[in-house]
Amino acid sequence: MARRAGIGRRGIHVDMKEADRIERNEERLKELYPAFATRVKQVLLDLQSVGVRPRIQDAYRSPMDQMKAFTSGNSKRKFGFHNVTGPGGEKEALAVDIVDDDAPLNPSTAYLMKLAVAARRNGLVSGILWGLTPAEQKEVNDIIKLRNFKAPVKVGWDPTHVEPVGITVEEAKAGMRPG
């Protein structure tokens, strides 16, 4: 399917060709800590197996880009998992934002639920619950458990964000890494 060129809000390409999507994912995976990259790659494969065309929109972010995300309200942290580097300054990000290439600016609830399931299946977590009340979190978790992906539900403020569990940003900044 041919697509015309264009970039939407937040710098998200809305017209990516399939070969470009695949290449972008491979390049973004190289910006991740290796054990995390392995899990993220499996998330991508899991999504593809159910007919989704996932695209890693963001992986590593420079401190300057993180500050832009913070000041614009797209992040609640001045330093986060996207900014993690190794001892020599090499990119070892522990976060990705994975969009639906077919609807990068307006992901469906079904896509966000499938992403949350794929993340959880691979020992990761998405931001689908962030900012929700306990009752809203329970509703999302119940819908995920039932795999009722078309059910109308409120999702958290950063549902395309995926990160590891069992490690804090502060621990990652200090050099710890997930297994």
N, C-alpha and C. Protein backbone atom coordinates (compact mmCIF):
# COMPACT_ATOMS: atom_id res chain seq x y z
N MET A 1 0.84 -1.17 0.00
CA MET A 1 0.00 0.00 0.00
C MET A 1 0.89 1.24 0.00
N ALA A 2 0.80 2.08 -1.00
CA ALA A 2 1.59 3.30 -1.07
C ALA A 2 0.99 4.34 -0.14
N ARG A 3 1.87 5.11 0.48
CA ARG A 3 1.42 6.17 1.38
C ARG A 3 2.12 7.45 0.99
N ARG A 4 1.43 8.56 1.19
CA ARG A 4 2.06 9.83 0.87
C ARG A 4 2.88 10.31 2.08
N ALA A 5 3.81 11.19 1.81
CA ALA A 5 4.68 11.68 2.87
C ALA A 5 3.91 12.59 3.81
N GLY A 6 4.27 12.54 5.09
CA GLY A 6 3.65 13.43 6.06
C GLY A 6 4.08 13.12 7.47
N ILE A 7 4.17 14.16 8.27
CA ILE A 7 4.51 14.00 9.68
C ILE A 7 3.41 14.69 10.48
N GLY A 8 2.85 13.95 11.43
CA GLY A 8 1.78 14.47 12.26
C GLY A 8 2.30 15.12 13.53
N ARG A 9 1.41 15.31 14.48
CA ARG A 9 1.78 15.94 15.75
C ARG A 9 2.81 15.11 16.49
N ARG A 10 3.58 15.76 17.32
CA ARG A 10 4.66 15.14 18.10
C ARG A 10 5.70 14.46 17.22
N GLY A 11 5.79 14.88 15.93
CA GLY A 11 6.81 14.34 15.05
C GLY A 11 6.59 12.90 14.64
N ILE A 12 5.37 12.41 14.75
CA ILE A 12 5.08 11.02 14.40
C ILE A 12 4.78 10.91 12.91
N HIS A 13 5.55 10.08 12.23
CA HIS A 13 5.31 9.83 10.81
C HIS A 13 3.96 9.13 10.65
N VAL A 14 3.14 9.64 9.76
CA VAL A 14 1.82 9.06 9.54
C VAL A 14 1.74 8.30 8.23
N ASP A 15 2.87 8.13 7.58
CA ASP A 15 2.87 7.59 6.23
C ASP A 15 3.96 6.55 6.00
N MET A 16 4.39 5.87 7.01
CA MET A 16 5.56 5.02 6.91
C MET A 16 5.29 3.80 6.02
N LYS A 17 6.21 3.55 5.10
CA LYS A 17 6.15 2.36 4.26
C LYS A 17 6.59 1.16 5.08
N GLU A 18 6.15 -0.02 4.69
CA GLU A 18 6.43 -1.24 5.46
C GLU A 18 7.92 -1.48 5.65
N ALA A 19 8.70 -1.34 4.62
CA ALA A 19 10.16 -1.54 4.74
C ALA A 19 10.77 -0.53 5.71
N ASP A 20 10.27 0.69 5.68
CA ASP A 20 10.76 1.72 6.59
C ASP A 20 10.37 1.41 8.04
N ARG A 21 9.18 0.89 8.23
CA ARG A 21 8.72 0.52 9.58
C ARG A 21 9.63 -0.57 10.16
N ILE A 22 9.90 -1.57 9.36
CA ILE A 22 10.75 -2.68 9.81
C ILE A 22 12.16 -2.18 10.11
N GLU A 23 12.71 -1.36 9.23
CA GLU A 23 14.05 -0.81 9.45
C GLU A 23 14.09 0.07 10.70
N ARG A 24 13.07 0.88 10.89
CA ARG A 24 13.00 1.74 12.08
C ARG A 24 13.00 0.90 13.34
N ASN A 25 12.19 -0.17 13.36
CA ASN A 25 12.16 -1.04 14.54
C ASN A 25 13.54 -1.63 14.82
N GLU A 26 14.21 -2.10 13.79
CA GLU A 26 15.54 -2.69 13.98
C GLU A 26 16.53 -1.66 14.52
N GLU A 27 16.47 -0.45 13.99
CA GLU A 27 17.36 0.61 14.47
C GLU A 27 17.05 0.99 15.92
N ARG A 28 15.78 1.09 16.26
CA ARG A 28 15.40 1.46 17.63
C ARG A 28 15.77 0.34 18.61
N LEU A 29 15.67 -0.90 18.21
CA LEU A 29 16.05 -2.01 19.08
C LEU A 29 17.54 -1.92 19.46
N LYS A 30 18.36 -1.38 18.59
CA LYS A 30 19.79 -1.22 18.88
C LYS A 30 20.06 -0.15 19.95
N GLU A 31 19.07 0.69 20.23
CA GLU A 31 19.21 1.75 21.23
C GLU A 31 18.86 1.26 22.63
N LEU A 32 18.48 0.00 22.74
CA LEU A 32 17.99 -0.55 24.01
C LEU A 32 19.04 -1.41 24.68
N TYR A 33 18.92 -1.54 26.00
CA TYR A 33 19.73 -2.50 26.73
C TYR A 33 19.40 -3.88 26.17
N PRO A 34 20.41 -4.73 25.88
CA PRO A 34 20.16 -5.97 25.15
C PRO A 34 19.07 -6.89 25.71
N ALA A 35 19.04 -7.12 27.01
CA ALA A 35 18.00 -8.01 27.57
C ALA A 35 16.61 -7.40 27.39
N PHE A 36 16.51 -6.09 27.50
CA PHE A 36 15.24 -5.40 27.28
C PHE A 36 14.87 -5.46 25.80
N ALA A 37 15.85 -5.27 24.93
CA ALA A 37 15.60 -5.32 23.48
C ALA A 37 15.02 -6.67 23.07
N THR A 38 15.53 -7.75 23.67
CA THR A 38 15.03 -9.09 23.36
C THR A 38 13.54 -9.19 23.70
N ARG A 39 13.16 -8.65 24.84
CA ARG A 39 11.75 -8.69 25.25
C ARG A 39 10.88 -7.82 24.34
N VAL A 40 11.38 -6.63 24.01
CA VAL A 40 10.62 -5.73 23.14
C VAL A 40 10.44 -6.35 21.76
N LYS A 41 11.48 -6.99 21.26
CA LYS A 41 11.36 -7.65 19.94
C LYS A 41 10.26 -8.70 19.98
N GLN A 42 10.15 -9.43 21.08
CA GLN A 42 9.09 -10.43 21.20
C GLN A 42 7.71 -9.76 21.28
N VAL A 43 7.63 -8.60 21.93
CA VAL A 43 6.37 -7.85 21.95
C VAL A 43 5.96 -7.52 20.51
N LEU A 44 6.92 -7.04 19.73
CA LEU A 44 6.63 -6.71 18.32
C LEU A 44 6.14 -7.93 17.57
N LEU A 45 6.81 -9.06 17.76
CA LEU A 45 6.41 -10.30 17.08
C LEU A 45 5.03 -10.76 17.54
N ASP A 46 4.75 -10.64 18.83
CA ASP A 46 3.43 -11.02 19.34
C ASP A 46 2.33 -10.17 18.71
N LEU A 47 2.59 -8.87 18.59
CA LEU A 47 1.60 -7.98 17.98
C LEU A 47 1.41 -8.31 16.49
N GLN A 48 2.50 -8.56 15.79
CA GLN A 48 2.42 -8.91 14.38
C GLN A 48 1.64 -10.20 14.18
N SER A 49 1.76 -11.13 15.13
CA SER A 49 1.07 -12.41 15.00
C SER A 49 -0.45 -12.28 15.10
N VAL A 50 -0.92 -11.14 15.63
CA VAL A 50 -2.37 -10.90 15.71
C VAL A 50 -2.80 -9.81 14.73
N GLY A 51 -1.97 -9.58 13.70
CA GLY A 51 -2.36 -8.68 12.62
C GLY A 51 -2.07 -7.22 12.84
N VAL A 52 -1.28 -6.88 13.84
CA VAL A 52 -0.94 -5.48 14.10
C VAL A 52 0.41 -5.18 13.46
N ARG A 53 0.59 -3.94 13.03
CA ARG A 53 1.86 -3.48 12.47
C ARG A 53 2.50 -2.50 13.45
N PRO A 54 3.19 -3.03 14.48
CA PRO A 54 3.75 -2.15 15.51
C PRO A 54 4.99 -1.40 15.01
N ARG A 55 5.12 -0.18 15.51
CA ARG A 55 6.29 0.64 15.17
C ARG A 55 6.85 1.24 16.45
N ILE A 56 8.14 1.06 16.66
CA ILE A 56 8.78 1.74 17.79
C ILE A 56 8.95 3.19 17.40
N GLN A 57 8.14 4.04 18.00
CA GLN A 57 8.22 5.46 17.70
C GLN A 57 9.43 6.08 18.38
N ASP A 58 9.62 5.77 19.65
CA ASP A 58 10.75 6.30 20.41
C ASP A 58 11.38 5.19 21.22
N ALA A 59 12.70 5.24 21.32
CA ALA A 59 13.45 4.36 22.21
C ALA A 59 14.33 5.28 23.05
N TYR A 60 15.63 5.38 22.74
CA TYR A 60 16.51 6.27 23.49
C TYR A 60 16.12 7.72 23.21
N ARG A 61 16.17 8.54 24.26
CA ARG A 61 16.00 9.99 24.13
C ARG A 61 17.20 10.67 24.77
N SER A 62 17.72 11.65 24.09
CA SER A 62 18.79 12.45 24.67
C SER A 62 18.22 13.24 25.86
N PRO A 63 19.08 13.68 26.78
CA PRO A 63 18.59 14.52 27.88
C PRO A 63 17.83 15.75 27.38
N MET A 64 18.28 16.35 26.27
CA MET A 64 17.59 17.51 25.73
C MET A 64 16.19 17.14 25.22
N ASP A 65 16.09 16.00 24.51
CA ASP A 65 14.78 15.56 24.03
C ASP A 65 13.86 15.20 25.20
N GLN A 66 14.43 14.63 26.26
CA GLN A 66 13.62 14.30 27.44
C GLN A 66 13.09 15.57 28.08
N MET A 67 13.93 16.60 28.16
CA MET A 67 13.48 17.86 28.75
C MET A 67 12.36 18.47 27.91
N LYS A 68 12.46 18.35 26.60
CA LYS A 68 11.37 18.83 25.73
C LYS A 68 10.08 18.06 26.02
N ALA A 69 10.20 16.74 26.16
CA ALA A 69 9.02 15.91 26.46
C ALA A 69 8.44 16.31 27.81
N PHE A 70 9.30 16.61 28.77
CA PHE A 70 8.85 17.00 30.10
C PHE A 70 8.15 18.36 30.06
N THR A 71 8.77 19.35 29.44
CA THR A 71 8.19 20.70 29.43
C THR A 71 6.91 20.76 28.60
N SER A 72 6.79 19.87 27.60
CA SER A 72 5.56 19.87 26.79
C SER A 72 4.43 19.07 27.44
N GLY A 73 4.75 18.38 28.55
CA GLY A 73 3.73 17.58 29.24
C GLY A 73 3.63 16.16 28.72
N ASN A 74 4.50 15.75 27.80
CA ASN A 74 4.46 14.38 27.27
C ASN A 74 5.20 13.40 28.17
N SER A 75 5.90 13.90 29.17
CA SER A 75 6.55 13.05 30.16
C SER A 75 6.43 13.72 31.52
N LYS A 76 6.40 12.92 32.55
CA LYS A 76 6.33 13.45 33.91
C LYS A 76 7.69 13.41 34.59
N ARG A 77 8.73 13.06 33.83
CA ARG A 77 10.08 12.93 34.39
C ARG A 77 11.10 13.72 33.58
N LYS A 78 12.05 14.30 34.30
CA LYS A 78 13.17 14.97 33.64
C LYS A 78 14.23 13.95 33.22
N PHE A 79 14.28 12.81 33.90
CA PHE A 79 15.12 11.69 33.52
C PHE A 79 14.27 10.44 33.65
N GLY A 80 14.25 9.63 32.63
CA GLY A 80 13.43 8.43 32.67
C GLY A 80 14.13 7.25 32.00
N PHE A 81 13.41 6.17 31.88
CA PHE A 81 13.96 4.95 31.28
C PHE A 81 14.43 5.17 29.83
N HIS A 82 13.85 6.14 29.13
CA HIS A 82 14.29 6.44 27.77
C HIS A 82 15.72 6.98 27.72
N ASN A 83 16.21 7.54 28.84
CA ASN A 83 17.50 8.23 28.88
C ASN A 83 18.66 7.40 29.36
N VAL A 84 18.44 6.14 29.67
CA VAL A 84 19.48 5.30 30.28
C VAL A 84 20.61 5.06 29.30
N THR A 85 21.84 5.20 29.83
CA THR A 85 23.04 4.92 29.05
C THR A 85 23.96 4.01 29.85
N GLY A 86 24.88 3.36 29.15
CA GLY A 86 25.86 2.50 29.78
C GLY A 86 27.01 3.33 30.35
N PRO A 87 27.99 2.66 30.96
CA PRO A 87 29.11 3.35 31.59
C PRO A 87 29.92 4.22 30.63
N GLY A 88 29.93 3.84 29.36
CA GLY A 88 30.66 4.62 28.36
C GLY A 88 29.77 5.59 27.59
N GLY A 89 28.54 5.77 28.06
CA GLY A 89 27.61 6.67 27.38
C GLY A 89 26.83 6.02 26.26
N GLU A 90 27.02 4.70 26.05
CA GLU A 90 26.28 4.02 24.99
C GLU A 90 24.79 3.94 25.35
N LYS A 91 23.96 3.99 24.34
CA LYS A 91 22.51 3.96 24.54
C LYS A 91 22.09 2.61 25.10
N GLU A 92 21.41 2.64 26.24
CA GLU A 92 20.87 1.44 26.87
C GLU A 92 19.45 1.72 27.38
N ALA A 93 18.63 2.34 26.53
CA ALA A 93 17.28 2.73 26.94
C ALA A 93 16.51 1.53 27.48
N LEU A 94 15.67 1.80 28.45
CA LEU A 94 14.80 0.78 29.05
C LEU A 94 13.33 1.14 28.86
N ALA A 95 13.05 1.88 27.80
CA ALA A 95 11.66 2.23 27.49
C ALA A 95 11.52 2.42 25.99
N VAL A 96 10.34 2.10 25.51
CA VAL A 96 9.96 2.34 24.13
C VAL A 96 8.52 2.83 24.09
N ASP A 97 8.22 3.56 23.06
CA ASP A 97 6.84 3.92 22.76
C ASP A 97 6.51 3.20 21.47
N ILE A 98 5.53 2.31 21.53
CA ILE A 98 5.18 1.48 20.38
C ILE A 98 3.80 1.88 19.89
N VAL A 99 3.76 2.42 18.68
CA VAL A 99 2.49 2.86 18.10
C VAL A 99 2.00 1.84 17.08
N ASP A 100 0.74 1.94 16.75
CA ASP A 100 0.14 1.14 15.68
C ASP A 100 0.42 1.87 14.38
N ASP A 101 1.21 1.29 13.50
CA ASP A 101 1.60 1.97 12.28
C ASP A 101 0.41 2.34 11.41
N ASP A 102 -0.70 1.64 11.56
CA ASP A 102 -1.89 1.97 10.77
C ASP A 102 -2.70 3.11 11.35
N ALA A 103 -2.43 3.48 12.61
CA ALA A 103 -3.13 4.59 13.26
C ALA A 103 -2.21 5.21 14.31
N PRO A 104 -1.06 5.75 13.89
CA PRO A 104 -0.07 6.21 14.86
C PRO A 104 -0.52 7.38 15.72
N LEU A 105 -1.43 8.19 15.22
CA LEU A 105 -1.87 9.36 15.99
C LEU A 105 -3.14 9.10 16.79
N ASN A 106 -3.83 8.02 16.48
CA ASN A 106 -5.10 7.76 17.13
C ASN A 106 -5.26 6.25 17.31
N PRO A 107 -4.47 5.65 18.23
CA PRO A 107 -4.56 4.19 18.39
C PRO A 107 -5.90 3.76 18.96
N SER A 108 -6.39 2.66 18.47
CA SER A 108 -7.66 2.14 18.98
C SER A 108 -7.45 1.54 20.37
N THR A 109 -8.52 1.46 21.12
CA THR A 109 -8.46 0.80 22.43
C THR A 109 -8.04 -0.66 22.24
N ALA A 110 -8.53 -1.29 21.18
CA ALA A 110 -8.15 -2.69 20.91
C ALA A 110 -6.64 -2.80 20.76
N TYR A 111 -6.01 -1.89 20.03
CA TYR A 111 -4.56 -1.92 19.88
C TYR A 111 -3.88 -1.75 21.24
N LEU A 112 -4.32 -0.78 22.01
CA LEU A 112 -3.68 -0.51 23.31
C LEU A 112 -3.80 -1.70 24.25
N MET A 113 -4.94 -2.39 24.19
CA MET A 113 -5.12 -3.58 25.02
C MET A 113 -4.21 -4.72 24.55
N LYS A 114 -4.10 -4.89 23.24
CA LYS A 114 -3.21 -5.93 22.70
C LYS A 114 -1.76 -5.63 23.06
N LEU A 115 -1.37 -4.37 23.02
CA LEU A 115 -0.02 -3.98 23.42
C LEU A 115 0.22 -4.31 24.89
N ALA A 116 -0.75 -3.99 25.75
CA ALA A 116 -0.61 -4.28 27.18
C ALA A 116 -0.47 -5.78 27.42
N VAL A 117 -1.24 -6.58 26.71
CA VAL A 117 -1.15 -8.04 26.85
C VAL A 117 0.22 -8.53 26.40
N ALA A 118 0.68 -8.07 25.24
CA ALA A 118 1.98 -8.50 24.73
C ALA A 118 3.10 -8.08 25.68
N ALA A 119 3.02 -6.88 26.23
CA ALA A 119 4.03 -6.42 27.17
C ALA A 119 4.05 -7.31 28.41
N ARG A 120 2.88 -7.54 28.97
CA ARG A 120 2.79 -8.38 30.18
C ARG A 120 3.30 -9.79 29.91
N ARG A 121 2.95 -10.35 28.77
CA ARG A 121 3.37 -11.70 28.40
C ARG A 121 4.89 -11.81 28.37
N ASN A 122 5.56 -10.69 28.11
CA ASN A 122 7.01 -10.68 28.00
C ASN A 122 7.71 -10.03 29.19
N GLY A 123 7.02 -9.97 30.31
CA GLY A 123 7.62 -9.46 31.54
C GLY A 123 7.83 -7.96 31.57
N LEU A 124 7.03 -7.24 30.79
CA LEU A 124 7.12 -5.79 30.73
C LEU A 124 5.77 -5.19 31.12
N VAL A 125 5.72 -3.89 31.18
CA VAL A 125 4.48 -3.20 31.53
C VAL A 125 4.30 -2.01 30.60
N SER A 126 3.05 -1.73 30.26
CA SER A 126 2.74 -0.53 29.47
C SER A 126 2.16 0.52 30.41
N GLY A 127 2.00 1.72 29.89
CA GLY A 127 1.42 2.80 30.68
C GLY A 127 -0.09 2.86 30.62
N ILE A 128 -0.72 1.74 30.27
CA ILE A 128 -2.17 1.72 30.09
C ILE A 128 -2.93 2.01 31.38
N LEU A 129 -2.32 1.75 32.54
CA LEU A 129 -3.01 1.96 33.82
C LEU A 129 -2.62 3.29 34.48
N TRP A 130 -1.63 3.97 33.96
CA TRP A 130 -1.10 5.16 34.62
C TRP A 130 -2.14 6.28 34.73
N GLY A 131 -2.30 6.76 35.93
CA GLY A 131 -3.22 7.87 36.18
C GLY A 131 -4.67 7.47 36.37
N LEU A 132 -4.95 6.19 36.31
CA LEU A 132 -6.33 5.72 36.49
C LEU A 132 -6.61 5.48 37.97
N THR A 133 -7.85 5.60 38.35
CA THR A 133 -8.26 5.26 39.70
C THR A 133 -8.17 3.75 39.88
N PRO A 134 -8.16 3.26 41.11
CA PRO A 134 -8.16 1.81 41.31
C PRO A 134 -9.33 1.12 40.62
N ALA A 135 -10.49 1.72 40.63
CA ALA A 135 -11.65 1.12 39.97
C ALA A 135 -11.45 1.06 38.45
N GLU A 136 -10.89 2.12 37.88
CA GLU A 136 -10.62 2.13 36.44
C GLU A 136 -9.54 1.12 36.09
N GLN A 137 -8.51 0.99 36.94
CA GLN A 137 -7.47 0.00 36.70
C GLN A 137 -8.06 -1.41 36.72
N LYS A 138 -8.95 -1.67 37.68
CA LYS A 138 -9.59 -2.98 37.76
C LYS A 138 -10.39 -3.26 36.49
N GLU A 139 -11.10 -2.26 36.00
CA GLU A 139 -11.89 -2.44 34.78
C GLU A 139 -10.99 -2.79 33.59
N VAL A 140 -9.89 -2.07 33.43
CA VAL A 140 -8.95 -2.36 32.34
C VAL A 140 -8.40 -3.77 32.50
N ASN A 141 -7.97 -4.11 33.71
CA ASN A 141 -7.40 -5.45 33.94
C ASN A 141 -8.43 -6.54 33.68
N ASP A 142 -9.68 -6.32 34.07
CA ASP A 142 -10.74 -7.30 33.81
C ASP A 142 -10.97 -7.49 32.31
N ILE A 143 -10.98 -6.38 31.58
CA ILE A 143 -11.18 -6.45 30.13
C ILE A 143 -10.01 -7.17 29.47
N ILE A 144 -8.79 -6.88 29.93
CA ILE A 144 -7.61 -7.57 29.40
C ILE A 144 -7.71 -9.07 29.68
N LYS A 145 -8.10 -9.41 30.90
CA LYS A 145 -8.21 -10.82 31.28
C LYS A 145 -9.21 -11.55 30.39
N LEU A 146 -10.31 -10.89 30.06
CA LEU A 146 -11.35 -11.47 29.21
C LEU A 146 -11.02 -11.39 27.72
N ARG A 147 -9.96 -10.63 27.40
CA ARG A 147 -9.56 -10.40 26.00
C ARG A 147 -10.70 -9.75 25.20
N ASN A 148 -11.46 -8.89 25.87
CA ASN A 148 -12.56 -8.17 25.25
C ASN A 148 -12.04 -6.83 24.74
N PHE A 149 -11.19 -6.87 23.72
CA PHE A 149 -10.45 -5.70 23.29
C PHE A 149 -11.29 -4.59 22.68
N LYS A 150 -12.51 -4.87 22.34
CA LYS A 150 -13.36 -3.83 21.75
C LYS A 150 -14.24 -3.13 22.78
N ALA A 151 -14.15 -3.54 24.03
CA ALA A 151 -14.96 -2.91 25.07
C ALA A 151 -14.51 -1.47 25.28
N PRO A 152 -15.46 -0.56 25.43
CA PRO A 152 -15.08 0.83 25.70
C PRO A 152 -14.54 0.95 27.13
N VAL A 153 -13.38 1.54 27.25
CA VAL A 153 -12.75 1.65 28.56
C VAL A 153 -11.81 2.85 28.54
N LYS A 154 -11.68 3.48 29.68
CA LYS A 154 -10.72 4.57 29.83
C LYS A 154 -9.33 3.97 30.02
N VAL A 155 -8.34 4.51 29.31
CA VAL A 155 -6.97 4.03 29.46
C VAL A 155 -6.11 5.12 30.08
N GLY A 156 -4.97 4.71 30.61
CA GLY A 156 -4.05 5.63 31.26
C GLY A 156 -3.44 6.65 30.31
N TRP A 157 -2.65 7.54 30.87
CA TRP A 157 -2.17 8.70 30.12
C TRP A 157 -1.02 8.39 29.15
N ASP A 158 -0.37 7.23 29.25
CA ASP A 158 0.74 6.92 28.33
C ASP A 158 0.67 5.45 27.92
N PRO A 159 -0.40 5.03 27.25
CA PRO A 159 -0.63 3.61 27.00
C PRO A 159 0.29 2.97 25.97
N THR A 160 1.01 3.74 25.15
CA THR A 160 1.91 3.14 24.17
C THR A 160 3.33 2.98 24.73
N HIS A 161 3.56 3.46 25.93
CA HIS A 161 4.87 3.36 26.58
C HIS A 161 5.04 1.96 27.17
N VAL A 162 6.22 1.36 26.97
CA VAL A 162 6.53 0.03 27.50
C VAL A 162 7.88 0.10 28.20
N GLU A 163 7.93 -0.49 29.41
CA GLU A 163 9.16 -0.49 30.21
C GLU A 163 9.25 -1.77 31.03
N PRO A 164 10.42 -2.00 31.64
CA PRO A 164 10.58 -3.22 32.45
C PRO A 164 9.88 -3.11 33.80
N VAL A 165 9.67 -4.24 34.43
CA VAL A 165 9.17 -4.28 35.80
C VAL A 165 10.32 -4.69 36.71
N GLY A 166 10.19 -4.37 38.00
CA GLY A 166 11.19 -4.82 38.97
C GLY A 166 12.42 -3.95 39.05
N ILE A 167 12.39 -2.78 38.45
CA ILE A 167 13.51 -1.84 38.52
C ILE A 167 12.94 -0.43 38.46
N THR A 168 13.53 0.45 39.24
CA THR A 168 13.09 1.85 39.22
C THR A 168 13.99 2.66 38.30
N VAL A 169 13.52 3.83 37.93
CA VAL A 169 14.32 4.73 37.12
C VAL A 169 15.61 5.09 37.86
N GLU A 170 15.49 5.32 39.15
CA GLU A 170 16.67 5.68 39.95
C GLU A 170 17.70 4.55 39.96
N GLU A 171 17.24 3.31 40.06
CA GLU A 171 18.16 2.16 40.03
C GLU A 171 18.83 2.05 38.66
N ALA A 172 18.06 2.27 37.60
CA ALA A 172 18.63 2.22 36.24
C ALA A 172 19.65 3.33 36.04
N LYS A 173 19.36 4.51 36.56
CA LYS A 173 20.29 5.64 36.45
C LYS A 173 21.59 5.32 37.18
N ALA A 174 21.49 4.56 38.29
CA ALA A 174 22.67 4.19 39.08
C ALA A 174 23.43 3.02 38.48
N GLY A 175 22.95 2.44 37.38
CA GLY A 175 23.68 1.38 36.69
C GLY A 175 23.05 0.01 36.75
N MET A 176 21.99 -0.17 37.52
CA MET A 176 21.32 -1.48 37.56
C MET A 176 20.58 -1.72 36.25
N ARG A 177 20.45 -2.99 35.88
CA ARG A 177 19.72 -3.35 34.67
C ARG A 177 18.85 -4.57 34.96
N PRO A 178 17.72 -4.66 34.26
CA PRO A 178 16.86 -5.84 34.43
C PRO A 178 17.48 -7.04 33.76
N GLY A 179 17.12 -8.23 34.24
CA GLY A 179 17.63 -9.46 33.65
C GLY A 179 16.91 -9.87 32.42
